């Protein structure tokens, strides 16, 4: 048994070494950096500088506020749409279900740069198709990239479009694991389809939906590509700058690696706290 274990760990050793070098060590080292003043040469030990700055930095609080706005609006809307979409994709009345499932999952595999370019063209204030539709039905055109509220709405729509199909497929897998006997018994008891959805489907889907919510929370706390690519690095005037984009700006534009490390650990801490709250709210009352 010991020889067998040595052989197994020998095969695992290359991966464990790479994992330690490129994953564990950067995590530990970035935590160390968060206590250093990296704006001066040589770097000096200054624990209060980066962590204390978080409390008084208006740019950080602006990024945190924007991230939370996206989180508390986009995630519930996306999960609700994903649940509804999963129910529709699971319907026996739907033709070509395989093709439809792939079509709604496809946005996940589309490159971020490509889909960001498409959204910028669609929502262009002068020749975008969205404003053409709005003016065509008698509504005023919207300055999607210069109006802070419109820019935030654009980010929410883009993120929802990209990830609603991904979550729908996860929820669909949960739907298909529910035994048909449950619905047959409810039908025999003359329970309507609406009541079956709210009193049978949703309660049984609670663990799956909770997983989707937690994954979405973690993803939103790290949101970077959409505000960077679609609204031109969090514009207008920082109205769509998220914590992920703020972290990038501090680390790779300003080269303040100590402060960027403190922001990174703050993002991780907030994601853990919000996820634990979701687990607590979504726990089985029994």
C-alpha atoms as a PDB file:
ATOM      1  CA  UNK A   1       0.000   0.000   0.000  1.00  0.00           C
ATOM      2  CA  UNK A   2       2.827   2.419   0.815  1.00  0.00           C
ATOM      3  CA  UNK A   3       4.523   1.693  -2.513  1.00  0.00           C
ATOM      4  CA  UNK A   4       1.218   2.252  -4.289  1.00  0.00           C
ATOM      5  CA  UNK A   5       0.742   5.575  -2.481  1.00  0.00           C
ATOM      6  CA  UNK A   6       4.262   6.702  -3.406  1.00  0.00           C
ATOM      7  CA  UNK A   7       3.543   5.942  -7.055  1.00  0.00           C
ATOM      8  CA  UNK A   8       0.243   7.854  -6.892  1.00  0.00           C
ATOM      9  CA  UNK A   9       1.851  10.891  -5.263  1.00  0.00           C
ATOM     10  CA  UNK A  10       4.675  10.660  -7.776  1.00  0.00           C
ATOM     11  CA  UNK A  11       2.195  11.114 -10.611  1.00  0.00           C
ATOM     12  CA  UNK A  12       0.517  13.958  -8.718  1.00  0.00           C
ATOM     13  CA  UNK A  13       3.790  15.696  -7.851  1.00  0.00           C
ATOM     14  CA  UNK A  14       4.179  17.719 -11.103  1.00  0.00           C
ATOM     15  CA  UNK A  15       0.668  19.112 -10.796  1.00  0.00           C
ATOM     16  CA  UNK A  16       1.043  19.825  -7.075  1.00  0.00           C
ATOM     17  CA  UNK A  17       4.328  21.613  -7.738  1.00  0.00           C
ATOM     18  CA  UNK A  18       2.835  23.764 -10.493  1.00  0.00           C
ATOM     19  CA  UNK A  19      -0.224  24.435  -8.315  1.00  0.00           C
ATOM     20  CA  UNK A  20       1.971  25.539  -5.418  1.00  0.00           C
ATOM     21  CA  UNK A  21       4.175  27.782  -7.564  1.00  0.00           C
ATOM     22  CA  UNK A  22       1.497  29.470  -9.662  1.00  0.00           C
ATOM     23  CA  UNK A  23      -1.470  29.440  -7.274  1.00  0.00           C
ATOM     24  CA  UNK A  24      -0.670  29.034  -3.574  1.00  0.00           C
ATOM     25  CA  UNK A  25       2.498  31.135  -3.545  1.00  0.00           C
ATOM     26  CA  UNK A  26       0.942  34.153  -5.362  1.00  0.00           C
ATOM     27  CA  UNK A  27      -1.972  34.096  -2.887  1.00  0.00           C
ATOM     28  CA  UNK A  28       0.379  34.136   0.083  1.00  0.00           C
ATOM     29  CA  UNK A  29       2.711  36.693  -1.460  1.00  0.00           C
ATOM     30  CA  UNK A  30      -0.129  39.058  -2.406  1.00  0.00           C
ATOM     31  CA  UNK A  31      -1.315  39.001   1.196  1.00  0.00           C
ATOM     32  CA  UNK A  32       2.207  39.980   2.248  1.00  0.00           C
ATOM     33  CA  UNK A  33       2.225  42.756  -0.369  1.00  0.00           C
ATOM     34  CA  UNK A  34      -0.948  44.247   1.097  1.00  0.00           C
ATOM     35  CA  UNK A  35       1.107  45.303   4.133  1.00  0.00           C
ATOM     36  CA  UNK A  36       3.843  47.009   2.110  1.00  0.00           C
ATOM     37  CA  UNK A  37       4.157  50.487   0.689  1.00  0.00           C
ATOM     38  CA  UNK A  38       4.926  49.702  -2.941  1.00  0.00           C
ATOM     39  CA  UNK A  39       4.946  53.280  -4.222  1.00  0.00           C
ATOM     40  CA  UNK A  40       8.468  53.896  -2.934  1.00  0.00           C
ATOM     41  CA  UNK A  41      11.749  52.131  -3.737  1.00  0.00           C
ATOM     42  CA  UNK A  42      12.655  50.057  -1.860  1.00  0.00           C
ATOM     43  CA  UNK A  43       9.284  48.754  -0.694  1.00  0.00           C
ATOM     44  CA  UNK A  44       8.743  49.359   3.007  1.00  0.00           C
ATOM     45  CA  UNK A  45       6.603  47.776   5.707  1.00  0.00           C
ATOM     46  CA  UNK A  46       3.510  49.963   6.233  1.00  0.00           C
ATOM     47  CA  UNK A  47       0.503  47.865   7.356  1.00  0.00           C
ATOM     48  CA  UNK A  48      -1.768  50.857   7.892  1.00  0.00           C
ATOM     49  CA  UNK A  49      -1.196  52.452   4.490  1.00  0.00           C
ATOM     50  CA  UNK A  50      -3.149  50.146   2.179  1.00  0.00           C
ATOM     51  CA  UNK A  51      -5.775  48.770   4.563  1.00  0.00           C
ATOM     52  CA  UNK A  52      -6.393  52.194   6.075  1.00  0.00           C
ATOM     53  CA  UNK A  53      -6.733  53.780   2.644  1.00  0.00           C
ATOM     54  CA  UNK A  54      -9.676  51.510   1.818  1.00  0.00           C
ATOM     55  CA  UNK A  55     -11.829  53.342   4.357  1.00  0.00           C
ATOM     56  CA  UNK A  56     -11.161  56.815   2.984  1.00  0.00           C
ATOM     57  CA  UNK A  57     -10.700  56.206  -0.750  1.00  0.00           C
ATOM     58  CA  UNK A  58     -13.780  57.555  -2.612  1.00  0.00           C
ATOM     59  CA  UNK A  59     -12.770  55.675  -5.769  1.00  0.00           C
ATOM     60  CA  UNK A  60     -12.876  52.361  -3.883  1.00  0.00           C
ATOM     61  CA  UNK A  61     -16.310  53.120  -2.412  1.00  0.00           C
ATOM     62  CA  UNK A  62     -17.570  54.153  -5.844  1.00  0.00           C
ATOM     63  CA  UNK A  63     -16.389  50.830  -7.291  1.00  0.00           C
ATOM     64  CA  UNK A  64     -17.929  48.943  -4.362  1.00  0.00           C
ATOM     65  CA  UNK A  65     -21.252  50.739  -4.808  1.00  0.00           C
ATOM     66  CA  UNK A  66     -21.311  49.988  -8.544  1.00  0.00           C
ATOM     67  CA  UNK A  67     -20.501  46.340  -7.928  1.00  0.00           C
ATOM     68  CA  UNK A  68     -23.258  45.986  -5.327  1.00  0.00           C
ATOM     69  CA  UNK A  69     -25.777  47.695  -7.634  1.00  0.00           C
ATOM     70  CA  UNK A  70     -24.989  45.168 -10.355  1.00  0.00           C
ATOM     71  CA  UNK A  71     -25.043  42.344  -7.816  1.00  0.00           C
ATOM     72  CA  UNK A  72     -28.429  43.133  -6.273  1.00  0.00           C
ATOM     73  CA  UNK A  73     -30.153  43.907  -9.584  1.00  0.00           C
ATOM     74  CA  UNK A  74     -28.532  41.625 -12.137  1.00  0.00           C
ATOM     75  CA  UNK A  75     -28.192  38.413 -10.135  1.00  0.00           C
ATOM     76  CA  UNK A  76     -31.871  38.102  -9.041  1.00  0.00           C
ATOM     77  CA  UNK A  77     -33.101  39.016 -12.532  1.00  0.00           C
ATOM     78  CA  UNK A  78     -30.703  36.560 -14.164  1.00  0.00           C
ATOM     79  CA  UNK A  79     -31.579  33.692 -11.798  1.00  0.00           C
ATOM     80  CA  UNK A  80     -35.310  34.300 -12.305  1.00  0.00           C
ATOM     81  CA  UNK A  81     -34.887  34.313 -16.096  1.00  0.00           C
ATOM     82  CA  UNK A  82     -32.649  31.236 -15.942  1.00  0.00           C
ATOM     83  CA  UNK A  83     -35.243  29.336 -13.897  1.00  0.00           C
ATOM     84  CA  UNK A  84     -38.027  30.254 -16.307  1.00  0.00           C
ATOM     85  CA  UNK A  85     -35.842  29.357 -19.269  1.00  0.00           C
ATOM     86  CA  UNK A  86     -34.930  25.998 -17.726  1.00  0.00           C
ATOM     87  CA  UNK A  87     -38.607  25.159 -17.261  1.00  0.00           C
ATOM     88  CA  UNK A  88     -39.304  26.036 -20.907  1.00  0.00           C
ATOM     89  CA  UNK A  89     -36.321  24.000 -22.138  1.00  0.00           C
ATOM     90  CA  UNK A  90     -37.551  21.044 -20.097  1.00  0.00           C
ATOM     91  CA  UNK A  91     -41.014  21.129 -21.637  1.00  0.00           C
ATOM     92  CA  UNK A  92     -42.016  18.108 -23.694  1.00  0.00           C
ATOM     93  CA  UNK A  93     -43.881  20.443 -26.042  1.00  0.00           C
ATOM     94  CA  UNK A  94     -40.671  22.187 -27.138  1.00  0.00           C
ATOM     95  CA  UNK A  95     -39.384  21.041 -30.515  1.00  0.00           C
ATOM     96  CA  UNK A  96     -35.635  20.670 -31.187  1.00  0.00           C
ATOM     97  CA  UNK A  97     -34.812  20.933 -27.509  1.00  0.00           C
ATOM     98  CA  UNK A  98     -31.152  20.037 -28.055  1.00  0.00           C
ATOM     99  CA  UNK A  99     -30.643  22.886 -30.505  1.00  0.00           C
ATOM    100  CA  UNK A 100     -32.473  25.340 -28.246  1.00  0.00           C
ATOM    101  CA  UNK A 101     -30.357  24.370 -25.246  1.00  0.00           C
ATOM    102  CA  UNK A 102     -27.174  24.899 -27.224  1.00  0.00           C
ATOM    103  CA  UNK A 103     -28.449  28.242 -28.545  1.00  0.00           C
ATOM    104  CA  UNK A 104     -29.020  29.612 -25.044  1.00  0.00           C
ATOM    105  CA  UNK A 105     -25.723  28.194 -23.762  1.00  0.00           C
ATOM    106  CA  UNK A 106     -23.739  29.537 -26.729  1.00  0.00           C
ATOM    107  CA  UNK A 107     -23.107  33.068 -25.308  1.00  0.00           C
ATOM    108  CA  UNK A 108     -20.818  31.534 -22.673  1.00  0.00           C
ATOM    109  CA  UNK A 109     -18.405  30.262 -25.319  1.00  0.00           C
ATOM    110  CA  UNK A 110     -18.391  33.526 -27.293  1.00  0.00           C
ATOM    111  CA  UNK A 111     -15.176  35.485 -26.777  1.00  0.00           C
ATOM    112  CA  UNK A 112     -15.514  38.470 -24.457  1.00  0.00           C
ATOM    113  CA  UNK A 113     -13.911  40.864 -26.932  1.00  0.00           C
ATOM    114  CA  UNK A 114     -16.209  39.727 -29.739  1.00  0.00           C
ATOM    115  CA  UNK A 115     -19.439  40.036 -27.824  1.00  0.00           C
ATOM    116  CA  UNK A 116     -18.354  43.346 -26.271  1.00  0.00           C
ATOM    117  CA  UNK A 117     -17.758  44.733 -29.761  1.00  0.00           C
ATOM    118  CA  UNK A 118     -21.212  43.571 -30.833  1.00  0.00           C
ATOM    119  CA  UNK A 119     -22.830  45.258 -27.834  1.00  0.00           C
ATOM    120  CA  UNK A 120     -20.948  48.494 -28.509  1.00  0.00           C
ATOM    121  CA  UNK A 121     -22.240  48.479 -32.086  1.00  0.00           C
ATOM    122  CA  UNK A 122     -25.799  47.571 -31.113  1.00  0.00           C
ATOM    123  CA  UNK A 123     -26.024  50.308 -28.483  1.00  0.00           C
ATOM    124  CA  UNK A 124     -24.171  52.997 -30.419  1.00  0.00           C
ATOM    125  CA  UNK A 125     -25.976  56.311 -29.944  1.00  0.00           C
ATOM    126  CA  UNK A 126     -25.802  57.295 -33.625  1.00  0.00           C
ATOM    127  CA  UNK A 127     -26.261  54.144 -35.706  1.00  0.00           C
ATOM    128  CA  UNK A 128     -26.947  51.373 -33.186  1.00  0.00           C
ATOM    129  CA  UNK A 129     -29.876  49.055 -33.844  1.00  0.00           C
ATOM    130  CA  UNK A 130     -31.277  49.527 -30.328  1.00  0.00           C
ATOM    131  CA  UNK A 131     -31.702  53.276 -30.732  1.00  0.00           C
ATOM    132  CA  UNK A 132     -33.136  52.681 -34.217  1.00  0.00           C
ATOM    133  CA  UNK A 133     -35.799  50.467 -32.650  1.00  0.00           C
ATOM    134  CA  UNK A 134     -36.500  52.981 -29.877  1.00  0.00           C
ATOM    135  CA  UNK A 135     -36.936  55.896 -32.274  1.00  0.00           C
ATOM    136  CA  UNK A 136     -38.949  53.665 -34.597  1.00  0.00           C
ATOM    137  CA  UNK A 137     -41.612  53.140 -31.910  1.00  0.00           C
ATOM    138  CA  UNK A 138     -41.649  56.806 -30.902  1.00  0.00           C
ATOM    139  CA  UNK A 139     -39.268  56.653 -27.938  1.00  0.00           C
ATOM    140  CA  UNK A 140     -36.242  58.952 -27.569  1.00  0.00           C
ATOM    141  CA  UNK A 141     -32.771  57.678 -28.348  1.00  0.00           C
ATOM    142  CA  UNK A 142     -30.575  56.890 -25.346  1.00  0.00           C
ATOM    143  CA  UNK A 143     -26.951  57.911 -24.877  1.00  0.00           C
ATOM    144  CA  UNK A 144     -25.860  54.502 -23.624  1.00  0.00           C
ATOM    145  CA  UNK A 145     -22.198  55.383 -23.160  1.00  0.00           C
ATOM    146  CA  UNK A 146     -22.447  58.918 -21.775  1.00  0.00           C
ATOM    147  CA  UNK A 147     -25.406  58.559 -19.413  1.00  0.00           C
ATOM    148  CA  UNK A 148     -24.370  56.897 -16.105  1.00  0.00           C
ATOM    149  CA  UNK A 149     -27.729  55.185 -15.527  1.00  0.00           C
ATOM    150  CA  UNK A 150     -27.960  53.947 -19.113  1.00  0.00           C
ATOM    151  CA  UNK A 151     -24.367  52.689 -19.010  1.00  0.00           C
ATOM    152  CA  UNK A 152     -25.093  50.727 -15.827  1.00  0.00           C
ATOM    153  CA  UNK A 153     -28.217  49.261 -17.416  1.00  0.00           C
ATOM    154  CA  UNK A 154     -26.142  48.271 -20.444  1.00  0.00           C
ATOM    155  CA  UNK A 155     -23.638  46.402 -18.257  1.00  0.00           C
ATOM    156  CA  UNK A 156     -26.469  44.594 -16.458  1.00  0.00           C
ATOM    157  CA  UNK A 157     -28.076  43.576 -19.762  1.00  0.00           C
ATOM    158  CA  UNK A 158     -24.768  42.379 -21.189  1.00  0.00           C
ATOM    159  CA  UNK A 159     -23.866  40.265 -18.157  1.00  0.00           C
ATOM    160  CA  UNK A 160     -27.387  38.829 -18.017  1.00  0.00           C
ATOM    161  CA  UNK A 161     -27.322  37.917 -21.728  1.00  0.00           C
ATOM    162  CA  UNK A 162     -23.982  36.184 -21.352  1.00  0.00           C
ATOM    163  CA  UNK A 163     -24.718  34.084 -18.260  1.00  0.00           C
ATOM    164  CA  UNK A 164     -28.462  33.422 -18.158  1.00  0.00           C
ATOM    165  CA  UNK A 165     -28.116  30.401 -20.461  1.00  0.00           C
ATOM    166  CA  UNK A 166     -25.259  28.971 -18.395  1.00  0.00           C
ATOM    167  CA  UNK A 167     -27.344  29.085 -15.220  1.00  0.00           C
ATOM    168  CA  UNK A 168     -30.382  27.775 -17.082  1.00  0.00           C
ATOM    169  CA  UNK A 169     -28.479  24.627 -18.083  1.00  0.00           C
ATOM    170  CA  UNK A 170     -27.469  24.029 -14.445  1.00  0.00           C
ATOM    171  CA  UNK A 171     -31.052  24.494 -13.274  1.00  0.00           C
ATOM    172  CA  UNK A 172     -32.264  22.296 -16.130  1.00  0.00           C
ATOM    173  CA  UNK A 173     -30.073  19.480 -14.817  1.00  0.00           C
ATOM    174  CA  UNK A 174     -31.752  19.925 -11.432  1.00  0.00           C
ATOM    175  CA  UNK A 175     -35.186  19.850 -13.043  1.00  0.00           C
ATOM    176  CA  UNK A 176     -34.435  16.587 -14.800  1.00  0.00           C
ATOM    177  CA  UNK A 177     -33.429  15.005 -11.493  1.00  0.00           C
ATOM    178  CA  UNK A 178     -36.906  15.551 -10.016  1.00  0.00           C
ATOM    179  CA  UNK A 179     -38.892  12.279 -10.230  1.00  0.00           C
ATOM    180  CA  UNK A 180     -41.909  12.303 -12.537  1.00  0.00           C
ATOM    181  CA  UNK A 181     -43.907  10.505  -9.831  1.00  0.00           C
ATOM    182  CA  UNK A 182     -44.089  13.716  -7.829  1.00  0.00           C
ATOM    183  CA  UNK A 183     -45.819  15.587 -10.654  1.00  0.00           C
ATOM    184  CA  UNK A 184     -48.048  12.631 -11.499  1.00  0.00           C
ATOM    185  CA  UNK A 185     -49.288  12.464  -7.892  1.00  0.00           C
ATOM    186  CA  UNK A 186     -49.912  16.219  -7.895  1.00  0.00           C
ATOM    187  CA  UNK A 187     -51.817  15.962 -11.178  1.00  0.00           C
ATOM    188  CA  UNK A 188     -54.001  13.178  -9.789  1.00  0.00           C
ATOM    189  CA  UNK A 189     -54.760  15.444  -6.833  1.00  0.00           C
ATOM    190  CA  UNK A 190     -55.824  18.113  -9.368  1.00  0.00           C
ATOM    191  CA  UNK A 191     -53.033  20.522  -8.436  1.00  0.00           C
ATOM    192  CA  UNK A 192     -52.647  23.193 -11.110  1.00  0.00           C
ATOM    193  CA  UNK A 193     -49.407  23.607 -13.046  1.00  0.00           C
ATOM    194  CA  UNK A 194     -48.816  26.983 -11.420  1.00  0.00           C
ATOM    195  CA  UNK A 195     -49.089  25.535  -7.914  1.00  0.00           C
ATOM    196  CA  UNK A 196     -46.874  22.612  -8.935  1.00  0.00           C
ATOM    197  CA  UNK A 197     -44.202  25.098  -9.997  1.00  0.00           C
ATOM    198  CA  UNK A 198     -44.290  27.157  -6.793  1.00  0.00           C
ATOM    199  CA  UNK A 199     -44.866  24.366  -4.280  1.00  0.00           C
ATOM    200  CA  UNK A 200     -43.021  21.435  -5.868  1.00  0.00           C
ATOM    201  CA  UNK A 201     -40.510  22.595  -8.475  1.00  0.00           C
ATOM    202  CA  UNK A 202     -39.040  25.620  -6.705  1.00  0.00           C
ATOM    203  CA  UNK A 203     -38.614  23.941  -3.278  1.00  0.00           C
ATOM    204  CA  UNK A 204     -36.898  20.942  -4.869  1.00  0.00           C
ATOM    205  CA  UNK A 205     -34.695  23.251  -6.944  1.00  0.00           C
ATOM    206  CA  UNK A 206     -33.590  25.287  -3.917  1.00  0.00           C
ATOM    207  CA  UNK A 207     -30.111  23.692  -3.608  1.00  0.00           C
ATOM    208  CA  UNK A 208     -29.424  24.067  -7.344  1.00  0.00           C
ATOM    209  CA  UNK A 209     -30.625  27.671  -7.431  1.00  0.00           C
ATOM    210  CA  UNK A 210     -28.523  28.411  -4.350  1.00  0.00           C
ATOM    211  CA  UNK A 211     -25.419  27.099  -6.131  1.00  0.00           C
ATOM    212  CA  UNK A 212     -26.200  29.335  -9.124  1.00  0.00           C
ATOM    213  CA  UNK A 213     -26.662  32.337  -6.846  1.00  0.00           C
ATOM    214  CA  UNK A 214     -23.346  31.757  -5.063  1.00  0.00           C
ATOM    215  CA  UNK A 215     -21.483  31.271  -8.355  1.00  0.00           C
ATOM    216  CA  UNK A 216     -23.101  34.438  -9.718  1.00  0.00           C
ATOM    217  CA  UNK A 217     -22.157  36.415  -6.605  1.00  0.00           C
ATOM    218  CA  UNK A 218     -18.532  35.332  -6.910  1.00  0.00           C
ATOM    219  CA  UNK A 219     -18.512  36.160 -10.612  1.00  0.00           C
ATOM    220  CA  UNK A 220     -20.086  39.590 -10.080  1.00  0.00           C
ATOM    221  CA  UNK A 221     -17.587  40.506  -7.372  1.00  0.00           C
ATOM    222  CA  UNK A 222     -14.840  39.839  -9.931  1.00  0.00           C
ATOM    223  CA  UNK A 223     -16.632  41.507 -12.866  1.00  0.00           C
ATOM    224  CA  UNK A 224     -14.059  43.052 -15.176  1.00  0.00           C
ATOM    225  CA  UNK A 225     -14.476  42.357 -18.892  1.00  0.00           C
ATOM    226  CA  UNK A 226     -17.835  44.079 -19.487  1.00  0.00           C
ATOM    227  CA  UNK A 227     -17.058  47.481 -17.890  1.00  0.00           C
ATOM    228  CA  UNK A 228     -13.550  47.395 -19.352  1.00  0.00           C
ATOM    229  CA  UNK A 229     -14.563  46.552 -22.914  1.00  0.00           C
ATOM    230  CA  UNK A 230     -18.130  47.824 -23.311  1.00  0.00           C
ATOM    231  CA  UNK A 231     -18.173  51.093 -21.361  1.00  0.00           C
ATOM    232  CA  UNK A 232     -14.517  51.940 -21.984  1.00  0.00           C
ATOM    233  CA  UNK A 233     -12.880  51.143 -18.644  1.00  0.00           C
ATOM    234  CA  UNK A 234     -15.792  51.884 -16.385  1.00  0.00           C
ATOM    235  CA  UNK A 235     -17.100  55.053 -17.987  1.00  0.00           C
ATOM    236  CA  UNK A 236     -18.648  57.494 -18.058  1.00  0.00           C
ATOM    237  CA  UNK A 237     -16.645  59.063 -15.252  1.00  0.00           C
ATOM    238  CA  UNK A 238     -16.337  55.855 -13.261  1.00  0.00           C
ATOM    239  CA  UNK A 239     -20.099  55.235 -13.270  1.00  0.00           C
ATOM    240  CA  UNK A 240     -19.604  51.551 -14.181  1.00  0.00           C
ATOM    241  CA  UNK A 241     -16.210  50.919 -12.598  1.00  0.00           C
ATOM    242  CA  UNK A 242     -16.379  47.696 -10.608  1.00  0.00           C
ATOM    243  CA  UNK A 243     -14.085  46.331  -7.918  1.00  0.00           C
ATOM    244  CA  UNK A 244     -12.404  44.062 -10.457  1.00  0.00           C
ATOM    245  CA  UNK A 245     -11.687  46.991 -12.754  1.00  0.00           C
ATOM    246  CA  UNK A 246     -10.547  49.145  -9.820  1.00  0.00           C
ATOM    247  CA  UNK A 247      -8.161  46.354  -8.790  1.00  0.00           C
ATOM    248  CA  UNK A 248      -6.758  46.182 -12.324  1.00  0.00           C
ATOM    249  CA  UNK A 249      -6.274  49.943 -12.452  1.00  0.00           C
ATOM    250  CA  UNK A 250      -4.407  50.019  -9.142  1.00  0.00           C
ATOM    251  CA  UNK A 251      -2.222  47.027  -9.927  1.00  0.00           C
ATOM    252  CA  UNK A 252      -1.439  47.330 -13.629  1.00  0.00           C
ATOM    253  CA  UNK A 253      -2.016  50.991 -14.470  1.00  0.00           C
ATOM    254  CA  UNK A 254      -0.817  52.795 -11.341  1.00  0.00           C
ATOM    255  CA  UNK A 255       1.502  49.882 -10.370  1.00  0.00           C
ATOM    256  CA  UNK A 256       0.484  50.169  -6.717  1.00  0.00           C
ATOM    257  CA  UNK A 257       0.701  46.445  -6.048  1.00  0.00           C
ATOM    258  CA  UNK A 258       0.299  46.739  -2.267  1.00  0.00           C
ATOM    259  CA  UNK A 259      -2.986  48.592  -2.491  1.00  0.00           C
ATOM    260  CA  UNK A 260      -4.178  46.294  -5.292  1.00  0.00           C
ATOM    261  CA  UNK A 261      -3.473  43.288  -3.057  1.00  0.00           C
ATOM    262  CA  UNK A 262      -5.512  44.816  -0.248  1.00  0.00           C
ATOM    263  CA  UNK A 263      -8.377  45.395  -2.685  1.00  0.00           C
ATOM    264  CA  UNK A 264      -8.096  41.794  -3.928  1.00  0.00           C
ATOM    265  CA  UNK A 265      -8.424  40.373  -0.424  1.00  0.00           C
ATOM    266  CA  UNK A 266     -11.307  42.731   0.283  1.00  0.00           C
ATOM    267  CA  UNK A 267     -13.107  41.416  -2.810  1.00  0.00           C
ATOM    268  CA  UNK A 268     -12.503  37.837  -1.695  1.00  0.00           C
ATOM    269  CA  UNK A 269     -13.734  38.600   1.822  1.00  0.00           C
ATOM    270  CA  UNK A 270     -16.902  40.295   0.568  1.00  0.00           C
ATOM    271  CA  UNK A 271     -17.615  37.399  -1.806  1.00  0.00           C
ATOM    272  CA  UNK A 272     -17.267  34.922   1.058  1.00  0.00           C
ATOM    273  CA  UNK A 273     -19.498  36.961   3.378  1.00  0.00           C
ATOM    274  CA  UNK A 274     -22.264  37.439   0.784  1.00  0.00           C
ATOM    275  CA  UNK A 275     -22.066  33.763  -0.201  1.00  0.00           C
ATOM    276  CA  UNK A 276     -22.391  32.670   3.442  1.00  0.00           C
ATOM    277  CA  UNK A 277     -25.415  34.963   3.828  1.00  0.00           C
ATOM    278  CA  UNK A 278     -26.965  33.324   0.774  1.00  0.00           C
ATOM    279  CA  UNK A 279     -26.283  29.870   2.190  1.00  0.00           C
ATOM    280  CA  UNK A 280     -27.913  30.919   5.456  1.00  0.00           C
ATOM    281  CA  UNK A 281     -30.971  32.420   3.733  1.00  0.00           C
ATOM    282  CA  UNK A 282     -31.293  29.425   1.412  1.00  0.00           C
ATOM    283  CA  UNK A 283     -30.920  26.766   4.103  1.00  0.00           C
ATOM    284  CA  UNK A 284     -33.617  24.146   4.579  1.00  0.00           C
ATOM    285  CA  UNK A 285     -35.987  25.497   7.266  1.00  0.00           C
ATOM    286  CA  UNK A 286     -36.379  21.959   8.590  1.00  0.00           C
END
